[in-house]
Every structure is written in structure tokens, then in C-alpha cells.
PDB file of N, CA and C in Angstrom:
ATOM      1  N   MET A   1      69.562 -23.260-100.667  1.00  0.00           N
ATOM      2  CA  MET A   1      68.125 -23.071-100.582  1.00  0.00           C
ATOM      3  C   MET A   1      67.469 -24.185 -99.775  1.00  0.00           C
ATOM      4  N   GLY A   2      68.025 -25.380 -99.844  1.00  0.00           N
ATOM      5  CA  GLY A   2      67.438 -26.504 -99.135  1.00  0.00           C
ATOM      6  C   GLY A   2      67.533 -26.371 -97.627  1.00  0.00           C
ATOM      7  N   LYS A   3      68.691 -25.843 -97.172  1.00  0.00           N
ATOM      8  CA  LYS A   3      68.880 -25.692 -95.731  1.00  0.00           C
ATOM      9  C   LYS A   3      67.964 -24.606 -95.173  1.00  0.00           C
ATOM     10  N   SER A   4      67.807 -23.499 -95.897  1.00  0.00           N
ATOM     11  CA  SER A   4      66.937 -22.429 -95.413  1.00  0.00           C
ATOM     12  C   SER A   4      65.471 -22.862 -95.430  1.00  0.00           C
ATOM     13  N   SER A   5      65.073 -23.653 -96.423  1.00  0.00           N
ATOM     14  CA  SER A   5      63.701 -24.175 -96.450  1.00  0.00           C
ATOM     15  C   SER A   5      63.464 -25.108 -95.275  1.00  0.00           C
ATOM     16  N   PHE A   6      64.442 -25.941 -94.988  1.00  0.00           N
ATOM     17  CA  PHE A   6      64.330 -26.877 -93.872  1.00  0.00           C
ATOM     18  C   PHE A   6      64.197 -26.133 -92.545  1.00  0.00           C
ATOM     19  N   ILE A   7      65.035 -25.122 -92.333  1.00  0.00           N
ATOM     20  CA  ILE A   7      64.996 -24.364 -91.076  1.00  0.00           C
ATOM     21  C   ILE A   7      63.710 -23.553 -90.980  1.00  0.00           C
ATOM     22  N   SER A   8      63.273 -22.966 -92.095  1.00  0.00           N
ATOM     23  CA  SER A   8      62.007 -22.217 -92.091  1.00  0.00           C
ATOM     24  C   SER A   8      60.835 -23.139 -91.792  1.00  0.00           C
ATOM     25  N   GLY A   9      60.867 -24.342 -92.329  1.00  0.00           N
ATOM     26  CA  GLY A   9      59.817 -25.319 -92.057  1.00  0.00           C
ATOM     27  C   GLY A   9      59.758 -25.699 -90.594  1.00  0.00           C
ATOM     28  N   LEU A  10      60.930 -25.926 -90.006  1.00  0.00           N
ATOM     29  CA  LEU A  10      60.962 -26.244 -88.580  1.00  0.00           C
ATOM     30  C   LEU A  10      60.447 -25.083 -87.745  1.00  0.00           C
ATOM     31  N   GLY A  11      60.816 -23.856 -88.130  1.00  0.00           N
ATOM     32  CA  GLY A  11      60.347 -22.674 -87.406  1.00  0.00           C
ATOM     33  C   GLY A  11      58.834 -22.514 -87.480  1.00  0.00           C
ATOM     34  N   LEU A  12      58.254 -22.735 -88.647  1.00  0.00           N
ATOM     35  CA  LEU A  12      56.805 -22.617 -88.788  1.00  0.00           C
ATOM     36  C   LEU A  12      56.066 -23.703 -88.014  1.00  0.00           C
ATOM     37  N   ILE A  13      56.607 -24.903 -87.995  1.00  0.00           N
ATOM     38  CA  ILE A  13      55.984 -25.979 -87.218  1.00  0.00           C
ATOM     39  C   ILE A  13      56.049 -25.653 -85.727  1.00  0.00           C
ATOM     40  N   MET A  14      57.183 -25.115 -85.272  1.00  0.00           N
ATOM     41  CA  MET A  14      57.295 -24.735 -83.865  1.00  0.00           C
ATOM     42  C   MET A  14      56.345 -23.591 -83.532  1.00  0.00           C
ATOM     43  N   LEU A  15      56.197 -22.628 -84.436  1.00  0.00           N
ATOM     44  CA  LEU A  15      55.284 -21.516 -84.207  1.00  0.00           C
ATOM     45  C   LEU A  15      53.837 -22.000 -84.116  1.00  0.00           C
ATOM     46  N   SER A  16      53.457 -22.934 -84.974  1.00  0.00           N
ATOM     47  CA  SER A  16      52.091 -23.456 -84.905  1.00  0.00           C
ATOM     48  C   SER A  16      51.864 -24.232 -83.616  1.00  0.00           C
ATOM     49  N   SER A  17      52.876 -24.947 -83.138  1.00  0.00           N
ATOM     50  CA  SER A  17      52.699 -25.684 -81.882  1.00  0.00           C
ATOM     51  C   SER A  17      52.634 -24.737 -80.683  1.00  0.00           C
ATOM     52  N   ILE A  18      53.395 -23.654 -80.731  1.00  0.00           N
ATOM     53  CA  ILE A  18      53.329 -22.667 -79.648  1.00  0.00           C
ATOM     54  C   ILE A  18      51.954 -22.014 -79.607  1.00  0.00           C
ATOM     55  N   LEU A  19      51.417 -21.650 -80.775  1.00  0.00           N
ATOM     56  CA  LEU A  19      50.076 -21.057 -80.829  1.00  0.00           C
ATOM     57  C   LEU A  19      49.018 -22.034 -80.314  1.00  0.00           C
ATOM     58  N   PHE A  20      49.125 -23.292 -80.703  1.00  0.00           N
ATOM     59  CA  PHE A  20      48.161 -24.297 -80.270  1.00  0.00           C
ATOM     60  C   PHE A  20      48.226 -24.505 -78.766  1.00  0.00           C
ATOM     61  N   THR A  21      49.436 -24.548 -78.215  1.00  0.00           N
ATOM     62  CA  THR A  21      49.599 -24.713 -76.776  1.00  0.00           C
ATOM     63  C   THR A  21      49.055 -23.509 -76.018  1.00  0.00           C
ATOM     64  N   ALA A  22      49.298 -22.306 -76.541  1.00  0.00           N
ATOM     65  CA  ALA A  22      48.775 -21.095 -75.901  1.00  0.00           C
ATOM     66  C   ALA A  22      47.249 -21.103 -75.895  1.00  0.00           C
ATOM     67  N   GLU A  23      46.643 -21.570 -76.974  1.00  0.00           N
ATOM     68  CA  GLU A  23      45.178 -21.664 -77.011  1.00  0.00           C
ATOM     69  C   GLU A  23      44.656 -22.628 -75.952  1.00  0.00           C
ATOM     70  N   ARG A  24      45.362 -23.719 -75.765  1.00  0.00           N
ATOM     71  CA  ARG A  24      44.926 -24.685 -74.751  1.00  0.00           C
ATOM     72  C   ARG A  24      45.066 -24.112 -73.344  1.00  0.00           C
ATOM     73  N   PHE A  25      46.158 -23.376 -73.076  1.00  0.00           N
ATOM     74  CA  PHE A  25      46.309 -22.708 -71.780  1.00  0.00           C
ATOM     75  C   PHE A  25      45.185 -21.711 -71.550  1.00  0.00           C
ATOM     76  N   ILE A  26      44.862 -20.934 -72.576  1.00  0.00           N
ATOM     77  CA  ILE A  26      43.788 -19.947 -72.458  1.00  0.00           C
ATOM     78  C   ILE A  26      42.459 -20.631 -72.181  1.00  0.00           C
ATOM     79  N   ALA A  27      42.208 -21.776 -72.823  1.00  0.00           N
ATOM     80  CA  ALA A  27      40.958 -22.506 -72.591  1.00  0.00           C
ATOM     81  C   ALA A  27      40.863 -22.983 -71.139  1.00  0.00           C
ATOM     82  N   VAL A  28      41.966 -23.456 -70.586  1.00  0.00           N
ATOM     83  CA  VAL A  28      41.964 -23.919 -69.201  1.00  0.00           C
ATOM     84  C   VAL A  28      41.760 -22.750 -68.241  1.00  0.00           C
ATOM     85  N   TYR A  29      42.460 -21.628 -68.465  1.00  0.00           N
ATOM     86  CA  TYR A  29      42.292 -20.470 -67.597  1.00  0.00           C
ATOM     87  C   TYR A  29      40.892 -19.888 -67.688  1.00  0.00           C
ATOM     88  N   LYS A  30      40.301 -19.931 -68.869  1.00  0.00           N
ATOM     89  CA  LYS A  30      38.922 -19.475 -69.023  1.00  0.00           C
ATOM     90  C   LYS A  30      37.976 -20.379 -68.230  1.00  0.00           C
ATOM     91  N   TRP A  31      38.202 -21.684 -68.301  1.00  0.00           N
ATOM     92  CA  TRP A  31      37.366 -22.641 -67.558  1.00  0.00           C
ATOM     93  C   TRP A  31      37.510 -22.425 -66.055  1.00  0.00           C
ATOM     94  N   ILE A  32      38.740 -22.184 -65.597  1.00  0.00           N
ATOM     95  CA  ILE A  32      38.964 -21.916 -64.170  1.00  0.00           C
ATOM     96  C   ILE A  32      38.227 -20.657 -63.746  1.00  0.00           C
ATOM     97  N   GLY A  33      38.274 -19.632 -64.607  1.00  0.00           N
ATOM     98  CA  GLY A  33      37.581 -18.387 -64.299  1.00  0.00           C
ATOM     99  C   GLY A  33      36.072 -18.546 -64.245  1.00  0.00           C
ATOM    100  N   GLU A  34      35.534 -19.487 -65.015  1.00  0.00           N
ATOM    101  CA  GLU A  34      34.093 -19.722 -64.996  1.00  0.00           C
ATOM    102  C   GLU A  34      33.671 -20.577 -63.804  1.00  0.00           C
ATOM    103  N   THR A  35      34.514 -21.483 -63.376  1.00  0.00           N
ATOM    104  CA  THR A  35      34.122 -22.420 -62.317  1.00  0.00           C
ATOM    105  C   THR A  35      34.363 -21.881 -60.911  1.00  0.00           C
ATOM    106  N   THR A  36      35.341 -21.028 -60.734  1.00  0.00           N
ATOM    107  CA  THR A  36      35.680 -20.552 -59.394  1.00  0.00           C
ATOM    108  C   THR A  36      34.529 -19.817 -58.710  1.00  0.00           C
ATOM    109  N   PRO A  37      33.844 -18.862 -59.357  1.00  0.00           N
ATOM    110  CA  PRO A  37      32.723 -18.206 -58.666  1.00  0.00           C
ATOM    111  C   PRO A  37      31.582 -19.167 -58.319  1.00  0.00           C
ATOM    112  N   VAL A  38      31.362 -20.165 -59.161  1.00  0.00           N
ATOM    113  CA  VAL A  38      30.308 -21.139 -58.884  1.00  0.00           C
ATOM    114  C   VAL A  38      30.682 -21.984 -57.671  1.00  0.00           C
ATOM    115  N   LYS A  39      31.949 -22.370 -57.566  1.00  0.00           N
ATOM    116  CA  LYS A  39      32.403 -23.157 -56.421  1.00  0.00           C
ATOM    117  C   LYS A  39      32.339 -22.337 -55.131  1.00  0.00           C
ATOM    118  N   ILE A  40      32.674 -21.045 -55.207  1.00  0.00           N
ATOM    119  CA  ILE A  40      32.652 -20.205 -54.007  1.00  0.00           C
ATOM    120  C   ILE A  40      31.221 -19.977 -53.521  1.00  0.00           C
ATOM    121  N   ASN A  41      30.320 -19.657 -54.444  1.00  0.00           N
ATOM    122  CA  ASN A  41      28.927 -19.389 -54.077  1.00  0.00           C
ATOM    123  C   ASN A  41      28.144 -20.657 -53.766  1.00  0.00           C
ATOM    124  N   GLY A  42      28.542 -21.757 -54.334  1.00  0.00           N
ATOM    125  CA  GLY A  42      27.852 -23.014 -54.080  1.00  0.00           C
ATOM    126  C   GLY A  42      26.567 -23.163 -54.868  1.00  0.00           C
ATOM    127  N   SER A  43      26.307 -22.277 -55.808  1.00  0.00           N
ATOM    128  CA  SER A  43      25.104 -22.404 -56.625  1.00  0.00           C
ATOM    129  C   SER A  43      25.475 -22.272 -58.093  1.00  0.00           C
ATOM    130  N   GLY A  44      24.725 -22.933 -58.937  1.00  0.00           N
ATOM    131  CA  GLY A  44      24.972 -22.880 -60.373  1.00  0.00           C
ATOM    132  C   GLY A  44      25.612 -24.155 -60.870  1.00  0.00           C
ATOM    133  N   SER A  45      25.950 -24.145 -62.125  1.00  0.00           N
ATOM    134  CA  SER A  45      26.585 -25.327 -62.714  1.00  0.00           C
ATOM    135  C   SER A  45      27.696 -24.869 -63.650  1.00  0.00           C
ATOM    136  N   TYR A  46      28.592 -25.751 -63.903  1.00  0.00           N
ATOM    137  CA  TYR A  46      29.710 -25.486 -64.794  1.00  0.00           C
ATOM    138  C   TYR A  46      30.104 -26.792 -65.459  1.00  0.00           C
ATOM    139  N   PRO A  47      30.766 -26.737 -66.614  1.00  0.00           N
ATOM    140  CA  PRO A  47      31.192 -27.971 -67.281  1.00  0.00           C
ATOM    141  C   PRO A  47      32.270 -28.690 -66.472  1.00  0.00           C
ATOM    142  N   ALA A  48      32.253 -30.011 -66.551  1.00  0.00           N
ATOM    143  CA  ALA A  48      33.212 -30.810 -65.789  1.00  0.00           C
ATOM    144  C   ALA A  48      34.633 -30.662 -66.320  1.00  0.00           C
ATOM    145  N   GLU A  49      34.781 -30.451 -67.623  1.00  0.00           N
ATOM    146  CA  GLU A  49      36.094 -30.300 -68.238  1.00  0.00           C
ATOM    147  C   GLU A  49      36.088 -29.085 -69.149  1.00  0.00           C
ATOM    148  N   PRO A  50      37.238 -28.466 -69.345  1.00  0.00           N
ATOM    149  CA  PRO A  50      37.280 -27.312 -70.258  1.00  0.00           C
ATOM    150  C   PRO A  50      37.098 -27.748 -71.707  1.00  0.00           C
ATOM    151  N   ALA A  51      36.541 -26.870 -72.519  1.00  0.00           N
ATOM    152  CA  ALA A  51      36.381 -27.138 -73.947  1.00  0.00           C
ATOM    153  C   ALA A  51      37.703 -26.832 -74.637  1.00  0.00           C
ATOM    154  N   MET A  52      38.415 -27.880 -75.011  1.00  0.00           N
ATOM    155  CA  MET A  52      39.721 -27.707 -75.634  1.00  0.00           C
ATOM    156  C   MET A  52      39.566 -27.459 -77.132  1.00  0.00           C
ATOM    157  N   PRO A  53      40.363 -26.533 -77.672  1.00  0.00           N
ATOM    158  CA  PRO A  53      40.292 -26.260 -79.107  1.00  0.00           C
ATOM    159  C   PRO A  53      40.950 -27.378 -79.915  1.00  0.00           C
ATOM    160  N   GLY A  54      40.478 -27.545 -81.131  1.00  0.00           N
ATOM    161  CA  GLY A  54      41.086 -28.509 -82.034  1.00  0.00           C
ATOM    162  C   GLY A  54      42.276 -27.901 -82.758  1.00  0.00           C
ATOM    163  N   VAL A  55      42.989 -28.725 -83.485  1.00  0.00           N
ATOM    164  CA  VAL A  55      44.183 -28.258 -84.183  1.00  0.00           C
ATOM    165  C   VAL A  55      43.829 -27.219 -85.243  1.00  0.00           C
ATOM    166  N   PHE A  56      42.743 -27.433 -85.962  1.00  0.00           N
ATOM    167  CA  PHE A  56      42.403 -26.538 -87.062  1.00  0.00           C
ATOM    168  C   PHE A  56      41.313 -25.541 -86.695  1.00  0.00           C
ATOM    169  N   ASP A  57      41.041 -25.319 -85.409  1.00  0.00           N
ATOM    170  CA  ASP A  57      40.086 -24.286 -85.002  1.00  0.00           C
ATOM    171  C   ASP A  57      40.639 -22.887 -85.267  1.00  0.00           C
ATOM    172  N   ASN A  58      41.927 -22.711 -85.074  1.00  0.00           N
ATOM    173  CA  ASN A  58      42.579 -21.448 -85.402  1.00  0.00           C
ATOM    174  C   ASN A  58      43.178 -21.593 -86.798  1.00  0.00           C
ATOM    175  N   VAL A  59      42.844 -20.672 -87.684  1.00  0.00           N
ATOM    176  CA  VAL A  59      43.289 -20.746 -89.071  1.00  0.00           C
ATOM    177  C   VAL A  59      44.805 -20.679 -89.165  1.00  0.00           C
ATOM    178  N   PHE A  60      45.423 -19.849 -88.344  1.00  0.00           N
ATOM    179  CA  PHE A  60      46.864 -19.674 -88.432  1.00  0.00           C
ATOM    180  C   PHE A  60      47.632 -20.932 -88.034  1.00  0.00           C
ATOM    181  N   VAL A  61      47.129 -21.672 -87.081  1.00  0.00           N
ATOM    182  CA  VAL A  61      47.806 -22.916 -86.676  1.00  0.00           C
ATOM    183  C   VAL A  61      47.847 -23.884 -87.857  1.00  0.00           C
ATOM    184  N   GLY A  62      46.724 -24.032 -88.539  1.00  0.00           N
ATOM    185  CA  GLY A  62      46.676 -24.930 -89.692  1.00  0.00           C
ATOM    186  C   GLY A  62      47.556 -24.459 -90.833  1.00  0.00           C
ATOM    187  N   ILE A  63      47.512 -23.159 -91.122  1.00  0.00           N
ATOM    188  CA  ILE A  63      48.329 -22.619 -92.220  1.00  0.00           C
ATOM    189  C   ILE A  63      49.813 -22.789 -91.917  1.00  0.00           C
ATOM    190  N   PHE A  64      50.223 -22.418 -90.708  1.00  0.00           N
ATOM    191  CA  PHE A  64      51.637 -22.547 -90.344  1.00  0.00           C
ATOM    192  C   PHE A  64      52.089 -24.005 -90.353  1.00  0.00           C
ATOM    193  N   LEU A  65      51.225 -24.897 -89.912  1.00  0.00           N
ATOM    194  CA  LEU A  65      51.589 -26.316 -89.890  1.00  0.00           C
ATOM    195  C   LEU A  65      51.747 -26.856 -91.305  1.00  0.00           C
ATOM    196  N   ILE A  66      50.813 -26.552 -92.189  1.00  0.00           N
ATOM    197  CA  ILE A  66      50.880 -27.055 -93.561  1.00  0.00           C
ATOM    198  C   ILE A  66      52.072 -26.447 -94.300  1.00  0.00           C
ATOM    199  N   LEU A  67      52.272 -25.126 -94.165  1.00  0.00           N
ATOM    200  CA  LEU A  67      53.437 -24.493 -94.800  1.00  0.00           C
ATOM    201  C   LEU A  67      54.750 -25.040 -94.243  1.00  0.00           C
ATOM    202  N   GLY A  68      54.786 -25.261 -92.937  1.00  0.00           N
ATOM    203  CA  GLY A  68      55.993 -25.804 -92.323  1.00  0.00           C
ATOM    204  C   GLY A  68      56.312 -27.203 -92.824  1.00  0.00           C
ATOM    205  N   LEU A  69      55.289 -28.038 -92.932  1.00  0.00           N
ATOM    206  CA  LEU A  69      55.518 -29.388 -93.456  1.00  0.00           C
ATOM    207  C   LEU A  69      55.962 -29.356 -94.910  1.00  0.00           C
ATOM    208  N   ALA A  70      55.351 -28.465 -95.703  1.00  0.00           N
ATOM    209  CA  ALA A  70      55.743 -28.352 -97.111  1.00  0.00           C
ATOM    210  C   ALA A  70      57.192 -27.890 -97.229  1.00  0.00           C
ATOM    211  N   LEU A  71      57.571 -26.870 -96.474  1.00  0.00           N
ATOM    212  CA  LEU A  71      58.954 -26.392 -96.526  1.00  0.00           C
ATOM    213  C   LEU A  71      59.934 -27.434 -95.991  1.00  0.00           C
ATOM    214  N   LEU A  72      59.524 -28.176 -95.004  1.00  0.00           N
ATOM    215  CA  LEU A  72      60.376 -29.237 -94.467  1.00  0.00           C
ATOM    216  C   LEU A  72      60.635 -30.303 -95.525  1.00  0.00           C
ATOM    217  N   ILE A  73      59.603 -30.694 -96.239  1.00  0.00           N
ATOM    218  CA  ILE A  73      59.744 -31.706 -97.290  1.00  0.00           C
ATOM    219  C   ILE A  73      60.591 -31.161 -98.436  1.00  0.00           C
ATOM    220  N   ILE A  74      60.377 -29.892 -98.818  1.00  0.00           N
ATOM    221  CA  ILE A  74      61.184 -29.288 -99.880  1.00  0.00           C
ATOM    222  C   ILE A  74      62.647 -29.225 -99.459  1.00  0.00           C
ATOM    223  N   GLY A  75      62.900 -28.808 -98.241  1.00  0.00           N
ATOM    224  CA  GLY A  75      64.274 -28.733 -97.751  1.00  0.00           C
ATOM    225  C   GLY A  75      64.952 -30.085 -97.699  1.00  0.00           C
ATOM    226  N   LEU A  76      64.214 -31.107 -97.278  1.00  0.00           N
ATOM    227  CA  LEU A  76      64.795 -32.451 -97.234  1.00  0.00           C
ATOM    228  C   LEU A  76      65.059 -32.985 -98.631  1.00  0.00           C
ATOM    229  N   SER A  77      64.134 -32.761 -99.556  1.00  0.00           N
ATOM    230  CA  SER A  77      64.325 -33.302-100.910  1.00  0.00           C
ATOM    231  C   SER A  77      65.484 -32.606-101.615  1.00  0.00           C
ATOM    232  N   ARG A  78      65.640 -31.295-101.432  1.00  0.00           N
ATOM    233  CA  ARG A  78      66.778 -30.595-102.045  1.00  0.00           C
ATOM    234  C   ARG A  78      68.087 -30.970-101.378  1.00  0.00           C
ATOM    235  N   GLY A  79      68.055 -31.231-100.084  1.00  0.00           N
ATOM    236  CA  GLY A  79      69.255 -31.654 -99.386  1.00  0.00           C
ATOM    237  C   GLY A  79      69.701 -33.042 -99.809  1.00  0.00           C
ATOM    238  N   ILE A  80      68.754 -33.932-100.070  1.00  0.00           N
ATOM    239  CA  ILE A  80      69.096 -35.282-100.515  1.00  0.00           C
ATOM    240  C   ILE A  80      69.632 -35.248-101.932  1.00  0.00           C
ATOM    241  N   LYS A  81      69.012 -34.427-102.804  1.00  0.00           N
ATOM    242  CA  LYS A  81      69.494 -34.311-104.184  1.00  0.00           C
ATOM    243  C   LYS A  81      70.890 -33.711-104.234  1.00  0.00           C
ATOM    244  N   LYS A  82      71.152 -32.733-103.374  1.00  0.00           N
ATOM    245  CA  LYS A  82      72.451 -32.058-103.371  1.00  0.00           C
ATOM    246  C   LYS A  82      73.560 -32.982-102.881  1.00  0.00           C
ATOM    247  N   SER A  83      73.255 -33.857-101.928  1.00  0.00           N
ATOM    248  CA  SER A  83      74.287 -34.729-101.357  1.00  0.00           C
ATOM    249  C   SER A  83      74.633 -35.903-102.256  1.00  0.00           C
ATOM    250  N   SER A  84      73.735 -36.263-103.170  1.00  0.00           N
ATOM    251  CA  SER A  84      74.040 -37.423-104.031  1.00  0.00           C
ATOM    252  C   SER A  84      74.621 -37.036-105.360  1.00  0.00           C
TER     253      SER A  84
END
């Protein structure tokens, strides 16, 4: 049970990081899409930098991260108890 908890924890942490990275890519592409027409036309204004999302802006990223850390700790504690 300890090994499966450990692997599940690592998987959930990786899934939360993939979701977070995808959100950041989407934020940059959205910013590019907003700034390109303004640059071509030469009129208007746009933000200097894209608005990057925070870690806990998406509920699933936070849930997966917390569950992953909990399962990782459970897997490590059961693995240490089993080996001694």
C-alpha cells in the first residue's frame, strides 16, 4: 500500500504541475492575441506583461497538489515503517 500511495502522490503532483504550466501557456497566448492587433494597427493600449495565474487560481491544481503531497507523505511513512 505504501508504494502505490507514493506513486499515486507523485502522479497527482505531476498532474497539478502540468495543469499549472498549461494555464501559464494559455495566459501568454491570450496576451499575444490581445497585443498583436494593437501593434499592427498602431493604436490602442495593451498590458506590458501577461496576467499570470496563481497556483491556487484553479481549484483542481490546488486539490491535486494537496492530495499528492498527502499521498506522498503516507507512502513514505508506510515505506519507512515497513523497512524497519
